[in-house]
């Protein structure tokens, strides 16, 4: 995979941790370790954005203040209006 070369300064504990990952055989180079960390951080950011959007949706719809029975009644009413029930 072609990419952009970068020079990084790492703290001693981080450099040692990266070397441990390579020594364990999980990765073959520092680049693989760093790219994997960045991929994981990007995935976490996507999940974080989705959770925030879900929380905002719940807040907008007022479900936070409704009990399970009231929510179920609302779902059933919507399904009836949409012809699904």
PDB file of N, CA and C in Angstrom:
ATOM      1  N   UNK A   1       0.854  -1.176   0.000  1.00  0.00           N
ATOM      2  CA  UNK A   1       0.000   0.000   0.000  1.00  0.00           C
ATOM      3  C   UNK A   1       0.899   1.237   0.000  1.00  0.00           C
ATOM      4  N   UNK A   2       0.714   2.075  -0.979  1.00  0.00           N
ATOM      5  CA  UNK A   2       1.480   3.316  -1.050  1.00  0.00           C
ATOM      6  C   UNK A   2       0.865   4.325  -0.103  1.00  0.00           C
ATOM      7  N   UNK A   3       1.670   5.195   0.400  1.00  0.00           N
ATOM      8  CA  UNK A   3       1.159   6.193   1.325  1.00  0.00           C
ATOM      9  C   UNK A   3       2.134   7.330   1.471  1.00  0.00           C
ATOM     10  N   UNK A   4       1.858   8.164   2.425  1.00  0.00           N
ATOM     11  CA  UNK A   4       2.701   9.304   2.711  1.00  0.00           C
ATOM     12  C   UNK A   4       3.675   8.945   3.813  1.00  0.00           C
ATOM     13  N   UNK A   5       4.914   9.252   3.619  1.00  0.00           N
ATOM     14  CA  UNK A   5       5.922   8.998   4.652  1.00  0.00           C
ATOM     15  C   UNK A   5       5.860  10.122   5.673  1.00  0.00           C
ATOM     16  N   UNK A   6       6.059   9.758   6.936  1.00  0.00           N
ATOM     17  CA  UNK A   6       6.043  10.750   8.002  1.00  0.00           C
ATOM     18  C   UNK A   6       7.090  10.378   9.029  1.00  0.00           C
ATOM     19  N   UNK A   7       7.642  11.370   9.629  1.00  0.00           N
ATOM     20  CA  UNK A   7       8.596  11.156  10.707  1.00  0.00           C
ATOM     21  C   UNK A   7       7.886  11.485  12.012  1.00  0.00           C
ATOM     22  N   UNK A   8       7.920  10.551  12.961  1.00  0.00           N
ATOM     23  CA  UNK A   8       7.226  10.746  14.231  1.00  0.00           C
ATOM     24  C   UNK A   8       8.193  10.673  15.388  1.00  0.00           C
ATOM     25  N   UNK A   9       7.957  11.493  16.370  1.00  0.00           N
ATOM     26  CA  UNK A   9       8.698  11.393  17.623  1.00  0.00           C
ATOM     27  C   UNK A   9       7.781  10.719  18.634  1.00  0.00           C
ATOM     28  N   UNK A  10       8.282   9.653  19.255  1.00  0.00           N
ATOM     29  CA  UNK A  10       7.481   8.898  20.205  1.00  0.00           C
ATOM     30  C   UNK A  10       8.108   8.957  21.588  1.00  0.00           C
ATOM     31  N   UNK A  11       7.256   8.959  22.594  1.00  0.00           N
ATOM     32  CA  UNK A  11       7.791   8.862  23.953  1.00  0.00           C
ATOM     33  C   UNK A  11       8.383   7.463  24.118  1.00  0.00           C
ATOM     34  N   UNK A  12       9.263   7.306  25.078  1.00  0.00           N
ATOM     35  CA  UNK A  12       9.896   6.004  25.310  1.00  0.00           C
ATOM     36  C   UNK A  12       8.870   4.905  25.579  1.00  0.00           C
ATOM     37  N   UNK A  13       7.871   5.144  26.452  1.00  0.00           N
ATOM     38  CA  UNK A  13       6.889   4.071  26.678  1.00  0.00           C
ATOM     39  C   UNK A  13       6.120   3.696  25.416  1.00  0.00           C
ATOM     40  N   UNK A  14       5.776   4.678  24.585  1.00  0.00           N
ATOM     41  CA  UNK A  14       5.048   4.384  23.347  1.00  0.00           C
ATOM     42  C   UNK A  14       5.927   3.631  22.357  1.00  0.00           C
ATOM     43  N   UNK A  15       7.180   4.020  22.239  1.00  0.00           N
ATOM     44  CA  UNK A  15       8.104   3.332  21.335  1.00  0.00           C
ATOM     45  C   UNK A  15       8.300   1.883  21.794  1.00  0.00           C
ATOM     46  N   UNK A  16       8.417   1.688  23.108  1.00  0.00           N
ATOM     47  CA  UNK A  16       8.582   0.328  23.638  1.00  0.00           C
ATOM     48  C   UNK A  16       7.330  -0.509  23.386  1.00  0.00           C
ATOM     49  N   UNK A  17       6.152   0.099  23.549  1.00  0.00           N
ATOM     50  CA  UNK A  17       4.899  -0.625  23.321  1.00  0.00           C
ATOM     51  C   UNK A  17       4.792  -1.035  21.857  1.00  0.00           C
ATOM     52  N   UNK A  18       5.122  -0.126  20.956  1.00  0.00           N
ATOM     53  CA  UNK A  18       5.083  -0.441  19.529  1.00  0.00           C
ATOM     54  C   UNK A  18       6.050  -1.588  19.226  1.00  0.00           C
ATOM     55  N   UNK A  19       7.242  -1.552  19.811  1.00  0.00           N
ATOM     56  CA  UNK A  19       8.214  -2.624  19.578  1.00  0.00           C
ATOM     57  C   UNK A  19       7.702  -3.956  20.112  1.00  0.00           C
ATOM     58  N   UNK A  20       6.985  -3.916  21.228  1.00  0.00           N
ATOM     59  CA  UNK A  20       6.387  -5.144  21.780  1.00  0.00           C
ATOM     60  C   UNK A  20       5.363  -5.733  20.810  1.00  0.00           C
ATOM     61  N   UNK A  21       4.585  -4.867  20.154  1.00  0.00           N
ATOM     62  CA  UNK A  21       3.593  -5.341  19.191  1.00  0.00           C
ATOM     63  C   UNK A  21       4.279  -6.024  18.011  1.00  0.00           C
ATOM     64  N   UNK A  22       5.389  -5.477  17.581  1.00  0.00           N
ATOM     65  CA  UNK A  22       6.142  -6.056  16.469  1.00  0.00           C
ATOM     66  C   UNK A  22       6.792  -7.366  16.910  1.00  0.00           C
ATOM     67  N   UNK A  23       7.389  -7.352  18.103  1.00  0.00           N
ATOM     68  CA  UNK A  23       8.059  -8.552  18.625  1.00  0.00           C
ATOM     69  C   UNK A  23       7.091  -9.706  18.840  1.00  0.00           C
ATOM     70  N   UNK A  24       5.833  -9.385  19.164  1.00  0.00           N
ATOM     71  CA  UNK A  24       4.835 -10.433  19.393  1.00  0.00           C
ATOM     72  C   UNK A  24       4.424 -11.114  18.094  1.00  0.00           C
ATOM     73  N   UNK A  25       4.758 -10.502  16.959  1.00  0.00           N
ATOM     74  CA  UNK A  25       4.395 -11.057  15.668  1.00  0.00           C
ATOM     75  C   UNK A  25       3.062 -10.562  15.147  1.00  0.00           C
ATOM     76  N   UNK A  26       2.377  -9.743  15.953  1.00  0.00           N
ATOM     77  CA  UNK A  26       1.081  -9.231  15.504  1.00  0.00           C
ATOM     78  C   UNK A  26       1.242  -8.268  14.325  1.00  0.00           C
ATOM     79  N   UNK A  27       2.327  -7.527  14.318  1.00  0.00           N
ATOM     80  CA  UNK A  27       2.620  -6.575  13.250  1.00  0.00           C
ATOM     81  C   UNK A  27       4.052  -6.800  12.795  1.00  0.00           C
ATOM     82  N   UNK A  28       4.340  -6.397  11.552  1.00  0.00           N
ATOM     83  CA  UNK A  28       5.703  -6.590  11.048  1.00  0.00           C
ATOM     84  C   UNK A  28       6.509  -5.292  11.006  1.00  0.00           C
ATOM     85  N   UNK A  29       5.836  -4.162  11.267  1.00  0.00           N
ATOM     86  CA  UNK A  29       6.564  -2.888  11.217  1.00  0.00           C
ATOM     87  C   UNK A  29       5.864  -1.830  12.067  1.00  0.00           C
ATOM     88  N   UNK A  30       6.610  -0.762  12.353  1.00  0.00           N
ATOM     89  CA  UNK A  30       6.017   0.370  13.088  1.00  0.00           C
ATOM     90  C   UNK A  30       4.881   0.990  12.288  1.00  0.00           C
ATOM     91  N   UNK A  31       5.051   1.041  10.970  1.00  0.00           N
ATOM     92  CA  UNK A  31       4.000   1.617  10.119  1.00  0.00           C
ATOM     93  C   UNK A  31       2.694   0.854  10.272  1.00  0.00           C
ATOM     94  N   UNK A  32       2.768  -0.483  10.321  1.00  0.00           N
ATOM     95  CA  UNK A  32       1.550  -1.275  10.489  1.00  0.00           C
ATOM     96  C   UNK A  32       0.871  -0.967  11.824  1.00  0.00           C
ATOM     97  N   UNK A  33       1.668  -0.838  12.872  1.00  0.00           N
ATOM     98  CA  UNK A  33       1.104  -0.543  14.193  1.00  0.00           C
ATOM     99  C   UNK A  33       0.415   0.818  14.182  1.00  0.00           C
ATOM    100  N   UNK A  34       1.093   1.826  13.670  1.00  0.00           N
ATOM    101  CA  UNK A  34       0.547   3.187  13.660  1.00  0.00           C
ATOM    102  C   UNK A  34      -0.703   3.252  12.778  1.00  0.00           C
ATOM    103  N   UNK A  35      -0.659   2.629  11.604  1.00  0.00           N
ATOM    104  CA  UNK A  35      -1.835   2.636  10.731  1.00  0.00           C
ATOM    105  C   UNK A  35      -3.014   1.920  11.380  1.00  0.00           C
ATOM    106  N   UNK A  36      -2.755   0.824  12.098  1.00  0.00           N
ATOM    107  CA  UNK A  36      -3.831   0.119  12.790  1.00  0.00           C
ATOM    108  C   UNK A  36      -4.433   1.001  13.882  1.00  0.00           C
ATOM    109  N   UNK A  37      -3.600   1.700  14.624  1.00  0.00           N
ATOM    110  CA  UNK A  37      -4.100   2.603  15.668  1.00  0.00           C
ATOM    111  C   UNK A  37      -4.963   3.709  15.070  1.00  0.00           C
ATOM    112  N   UNK A  38      -4.541   4.254  13.947  1.00  0.00           N
ATOM    113  CA  UNK A  38      -5.310   5.316  13.300  1.00  0.00           C
ATOM    114  C   UNK A  38      -6.646   4.763  12.781  1.00  0.00           C
ATOM    115  N   UNK A  39      -6.626   3.573  12.164  1.00  0.00           N
ATOM    116  CA  UNK A  39      -7.875   2.949  11.707  1.00  0.00           C
ATOM    117  C   UNK A  39      -8.849   2.775  12.871  1.00  0.00           C
ATOM    118  N   UNK A  40      -8.340   2.265  13.975  1.00  0.00           N
ATOM    119  CA  UNK A  40      -9.197   2.055  15.148  1.00  0.00           C
ATOM    120  C   UNK A  40      -9.749   3.378  15.683  1.00  0.00           C
ATOM    121  N   UNK A  41      -8.925   4.403  15.710  1.00  0.00           N
ATOM    122  CA  UNK A  41      -9.384   5.720  16.177  1.00  0.00           C
ATOM    123  C   UNK A  41     -10.478   6.257  15.259  1.00  0.00           C
ATOM    124  N   UNK A  42     -10.323   6.040  13.956  1.00  0.00           N
ATOM    125  CA  UNK A  42     -11.338   6.497  13.005  1.00  0.00           C
ATOM    126  C   UNK A  42     -12.648   5.740  13.201  1.00  0.00           C
ATOM    127  N   UNK A  43     -12.564   4.425  13.432  1.00  0.00           N
ATOM    128  CA  UNK A  43     -13.764   3.626  13.691  1.00  0.00           C
ATOM    129  C   UNK A  43     -14.463   4.105  14.969  1.00  0.00           C
ATOM    130  N   UNK A  44     -13.686   4.383  15.990  1.00  0.00           N
ATOM    131  CA  UNK A  44     -14.249   4.873  17.258  1.00  0.00           C
ATOM    132  C   UNK A  44     -14.955   6.201  17.030  1.00  0.00           C
ATOM    133  N   UNK A  45     -14.374   7.065  16.211  1.00  0.00           N
ATOM    134  CA  UNK A  45     -14.985   8.367  15.933  1.00  0.00           C
ATOM    135  C   UNK A  45     -16.332   8.191  15.217  1.00  0.00           C
ATOM    136  N   UNK A  46     -16.409   7.234  14.287  1.00  0.00           N
ATOM    137  CA  UNK A  46     -17.678   6.978  13.596  1.00  0.00           C
ATOM    138  C   UNK A  46     -18.728   6.500  14.588  1.00  0.00           C
ATOM    139  N   UNK A  47     -18.367   5.564  15.456  1.00  0.00           N
ATOM    140  CA  UNK A  47     -19.303   5.058  16.466  1.00  0.00           C
ATOM    141  C   UNK A  47     -19.727   6.199  17.389  1.00  0.00           C
ATOM    142  N   UNK A  48     -18.776   7.019  17.784  1.00  0.00           N
ATOM    143  CA  UNK A  48     -19.071   8.159  18.668  1.00  0.00           C
ATOM    144  C   UNK A  48     -20.078   9.106  18.017  1.00  0.00           C
ATOM    145  N   UNK A  49     -19.871   9.411  16.727  1.00  0.00           N
ATOM    146  CA  UNK A  49     -20.794  10.294  16.014  1.00  0.00           C
ATOM    147  C   UNK A  49     -22.190   9.682  15.930  1.00  0.00           C
ATOM    148  N   UNK A  50     -22.264   8.370  15.706  1.00  0.00           N
ATOM    149  CA  UNK A  50     -23.565   7.699  15.630  1.00  0.00           C
ATOM    150  C   UNK A  50     -24.273   7.701  16.985  1.00  0.00           C
ATOM    151  N   UNK A  51     -23.510   7.502  18.053  1.00  0.00           N
ATOM    152  CA  UNK A  51     -24.108   7.539  19.391  1.00  0.00           C
ATOM    153  C   UNK A  51     -24.650   8.926  19.719  1.00  0.00           C
ATOM    154  N   UNK A  52     -23.889   9.945  19.368  1.00  0.00           N
ATOM    155  CA  UNK A  52     -24.346  11.319  19.610  1.00  0.00           C
ATOM    156  C   UNK A  52     -25.620  11.589  18.822  1.00  0.00           C
ATOM    157  N   UNK A  53     -25.650  11.159  17.553  1.00  0.00           N
ATOM    158  CA  UNK A  53     -26.846  11.363  16.722  1.00  0.00           C
ATOM    159  C   UNK A  53     -28.036  10.622  17.321  1.00  0.00           C
ATOM    160  N   UNK A  54     -27.822   9.412  17.818  1.00  0.00           N
ATOM    161  CA  UNK A  54     -28.908   8.643  18.431  1.00  0.00           C
ATOM    162  C   UNK A  54     -29.417   9.330  19.690  1.00  0.00           C
ATOM    163  N   UNK A  55     -28.504   9.831  20.510  1.00  0.00           N
ATOM    164  CA  UNK A  55     -28.909  10.544  21.727  1.00  0.00           C
ATOM    165  C   UNK A  55     -29.709  11.798  21.386  1.00  0.00           C
ATOM    166  N   UNK A  56     -29.269  12.512  20.366  1.00  0.00           N
ATOM    167  CA  UNK A  56     -29.986  13.720  19.966  1.00  0.00           C
ATOM    168  C   UNK A  56     -31.368  13.377  19.424  1.00  0.00           C
ATOM    169  N   UNK A  57     -31.469  12.272  18.699  1.00  0.00           N
ATOM    170  CA  UNK A  57     -32.760  11.839  18.168  1.00  0.00           C
ATOM    171  C   UNK A  57     -33.710  11.474  19.301  1.00  0.00           C
ATOM    172  N   UNK A  58     -33.202  10.750  20.277  1.00  0.00           N
ATOM    173  CA  UNK A  58     -34.018  10.375  21.434  1.00  0.00           C
ATOM    174  C   UNK A  58     -34.491  11.626  22.154  1.00  0.00           C
ATOM    175  N   UNK A  59     -33.598  12.573  22.322  1.00  0.00           N
ATOM    176  CA  UNK A  59     -33.949  13.811  23.015  1.00  0.00           C
ATOM    177  C   UNK A  59     -35.006  14.593  22.233  1.00  0.00           C
ATOM    178  N   UNK A  60     -34.849  14.667  20.895  1.00  0.00           N
ATOM    179  CA  UNK A  60     -35.814  15.384  20.053  1.00  0.00           C
ATOM    180  C   UNK A  60     -37.201  14.767  20.123  1.00  0.00           C
ATOM    181  N   UNK A  61     -37.262  13.448  20.167  1.00  0.00           N
ATOM    182  CA  UNK A  61     -38.549  12.762  20.151  1.00  0.00           C
ATOM    183  C   UNK A  61     -39.152  12.603  21.545  1.00  0.00           C
ATOM    184  N   UNK A  62     -38.453  13.009  22.556  1.00  0.00           N
ATOM    185  CA  UNK A  62     -38.985  12.973  23.904  1.00  0.00           C
ATOM    186  C   UNK A  62     -39.104  11.589  24.503  1.00  0.00           C
ATOM    187  N   UNK A  63     -38.470  10.602  23.895  1.00  0.00           N
ATOM    188  CA  UNK A  63     -38.589   9.241  24.402  1.00  0.00           C
ATOM    189  C   UNK A  63     -37.973   9.102  25.788  1.00  0.00           C
ATOM    190  N   UNK A  64     -37.043   9.976  26.078  1.00  0.00           N
ATOM    191  CA  UNK A  64     -36.373   9.905  27.375  1.00  0.00           C
ATOM    192  C   UNK A  64     -37.367  10.058  28.519  1.00  0.00           C
ATOM    193  N   UNK A  65     -38.422  10.804  28.316  1.00  0.00           N
ATOM    194  CA  UNK A  65     -39.393  11.062  29.367  1.00  0.00           C
ATOM    195  C   UNK A  65     -40.568  10.099  29.341  1.00  0.00           C
ATOM    196  N   UNK A  66     -40.573   9.133  28.426  1.00  0.00           N
ATOM    197  CA  UNK A  66     -41.688   8.208  28.289  1.00  0.00           C
ATOM    198  C   UNK A  66     -41.311   6.847  28.865  1.00  0.00           C
ATOM    199  N   UNK A  67     -42.288   6.203  29.467  1.00  0.00           N
ATOM    200  CA  UNK A  67     -42.089   4.861  29.966  1.00  0.00           C
ATOM    201  C   UNK A  67     -42.251   3.849  28.848  1.00  0.00           C
ATOM    202  N   UNK A  68     -41.915   2.581  29.103  1.00  0.00           N
ATOM    203  CA  UNK A  68     -41.991   1.551  28.061  1.00  0.00           C
ATOM    204  C   UNK A  68     -43.390   1.392  27.460  1.00  0.00           C
ATOM    205  N   UNK A  69     -44.427   1.436  28.284  1.00  0.00           N
ATOM    206  CA  UNK A  69     -45.796   1.269  27.772  1.00  0.00           C
ATOM    207  C   UNK A  69     -46.184   2.429  26.854  1.00  0.00           C
ATOM    208  N   UNK A  70     -45.841   3.636  27.275  1.00  0.00           N
ATOM    209  CA  UNK A  70     -46.155   4.820  26.465  1.00  0.00           C
ATOM    210  C   UNK A  70     -45.410   4.767  25.136  1.00  0.00           C
ATOM    211  N   UNK A  71     -44.152   4.323  25.173  1.00  0.00           N
ATOM    212  CA  UNK A  71     -43.384   4.203  23.933  1.00  0.00           C
ATOM    213  C   UNK A  71     -44.006   3.153  23.019  1.00  0.00           C
ATOM    214  N   UNK A  72     -44.389   1.997  23.583  1.00  0.00           N
ATOM    215  CA  UNK A  72     -44.997   0.942  22.786  1.00  0.00           C
ATOM    216  C   UNK A  72     -46.299   1.412  22.157  1.00  0.00           C
ATOM    217  N   UNK A  73     -47.105   2.135  22.922  1.00  0.00           N
ATOM    218  CA  UNK A  73     -48.347   2.684  22.384  1.00  0.00           C
ATOM    219  C   UNK A  73     -48.064   3.615  21.203  1.00  0.00           C
ATOM    220  N   UNK A  74     -47.032   4.430  21.334  1.00  0.00           N
ATOM    221  CA  UNK A  74     -46.654   5.336  20.250  1.00  0.00           C
ATOM    222  C   UNK A  74     -46.203   4.589  19.009  1.00  0.00           C
ATOM    223  N   UNK A  75     -45.419   3.526  19.195  1.00  0.00           N
ATOM    224  CA  UNK A  75     -44.969   2.726  18.060  1.00  0.00           C
ATOM    225  C   UNK A  75     -46.156   2.067  17.355  1.00  0.00           C
ATOM    226  N   UNK A  76     -47.086   1.545  18.158  1.00  0.00           N
ATOM    227  CA  UNK A  76     -48.269   0.902  17.584  1.00  0.00           C
ATOM    228  C   UNK A  76     -49.116   1.905  16.816  1.00  0.00           C
ATOM    229  N   UNK A  77     -49.298   3.087  17.371  1.00  0.00           N
ATOM    230  CA  UNK A  77     -50.084   4.120  16.696  1.00  0.00           C
ATOM    231  C   UNK A  77     -49.442   4.498  15.361  1.00  0.00           C
ATOM    232  N   UNK A  78     -48.129   4.635  15.367  1.00  0.00           N
ATOM    233  CA  UNK A  78     -47.431   4.975  14.109  1.00  0.00           C
ATOM    234  C   UNK A  78     -47.570   3.844  13.104  1.00  0.00           C
ATOM    235  N   UNK A  79     -47.462   2.598  13.560  1.00  0.00           N
ATOM    236  CA  UNK A  79     -47.609   1.456  12.661  1.00  0.00           C
ATOM    237  C   UNK A  79     -49.013   1.406  12.081  1.00  0.00           C
ATOM    238  N   UNK A  80     -50.021   1.734  12.874  1.00  0.00           N
ATOM    239  CA  UNK A  80     -51.394   1.771  12.370  1.00  0.00           C
ATOM    240  C   UNK A  80     -51.546   2.853  11.300  1.00  0.00           C
ATOM    241  N   UNK A  81     -50.996   4.033  11.579  1.00  0.00           N
ATOM    242  CA  UNK A  81     -51.076   5.138  10.609  1.00  0.00           C
ATOM    243  C   UNK A  81     -50.385   4.775   9.306  1.00  0.00           C
ATOM    244  N   UNK A  82     -49.286   4.020   9.404  1.00  0.00           N
ATOM    245  CA  UNK A  82     -48.516   3.646   8.212  1.00  0.00           C
ATOM    246  C   UNK A  82     -49.064   2.395   7.538  1.00  0.00           C
ATOM    247  N   UNK A  83     -50.132   1.814   8.094  1.00  0.00           N
ATOM    248  CA  UNK A  83     -50.751   0.645   7.495  1.00  0.00           C
ATOM    249  C   UNK A  83     -49.977  -0.640   7.729  1.00  0.00           C
ATOM    250  N   UNK A  84     -49.108  -0.650   8.720  1.00  0.00           N
ATOM    251  CA  UNK A  84     -48.327  -1.844   9.006  1.00  0.00           C
ATOM    252  C   UNK A  84     -48.904  -2.669  10.153  1.00  0.00           C
ATOM    253  N   UNK A  85     -49.985  -2.184  10.758  1.00  0.00           N
ATOM    254  CA  UNK A  85     -50.587  -2.892  11.881  1.00  0.00           C
ATOM    255  C   UNK A  85     -52.093  -2.812  11.794  1.00  0.00           C
TER     256      UNK A  85
END
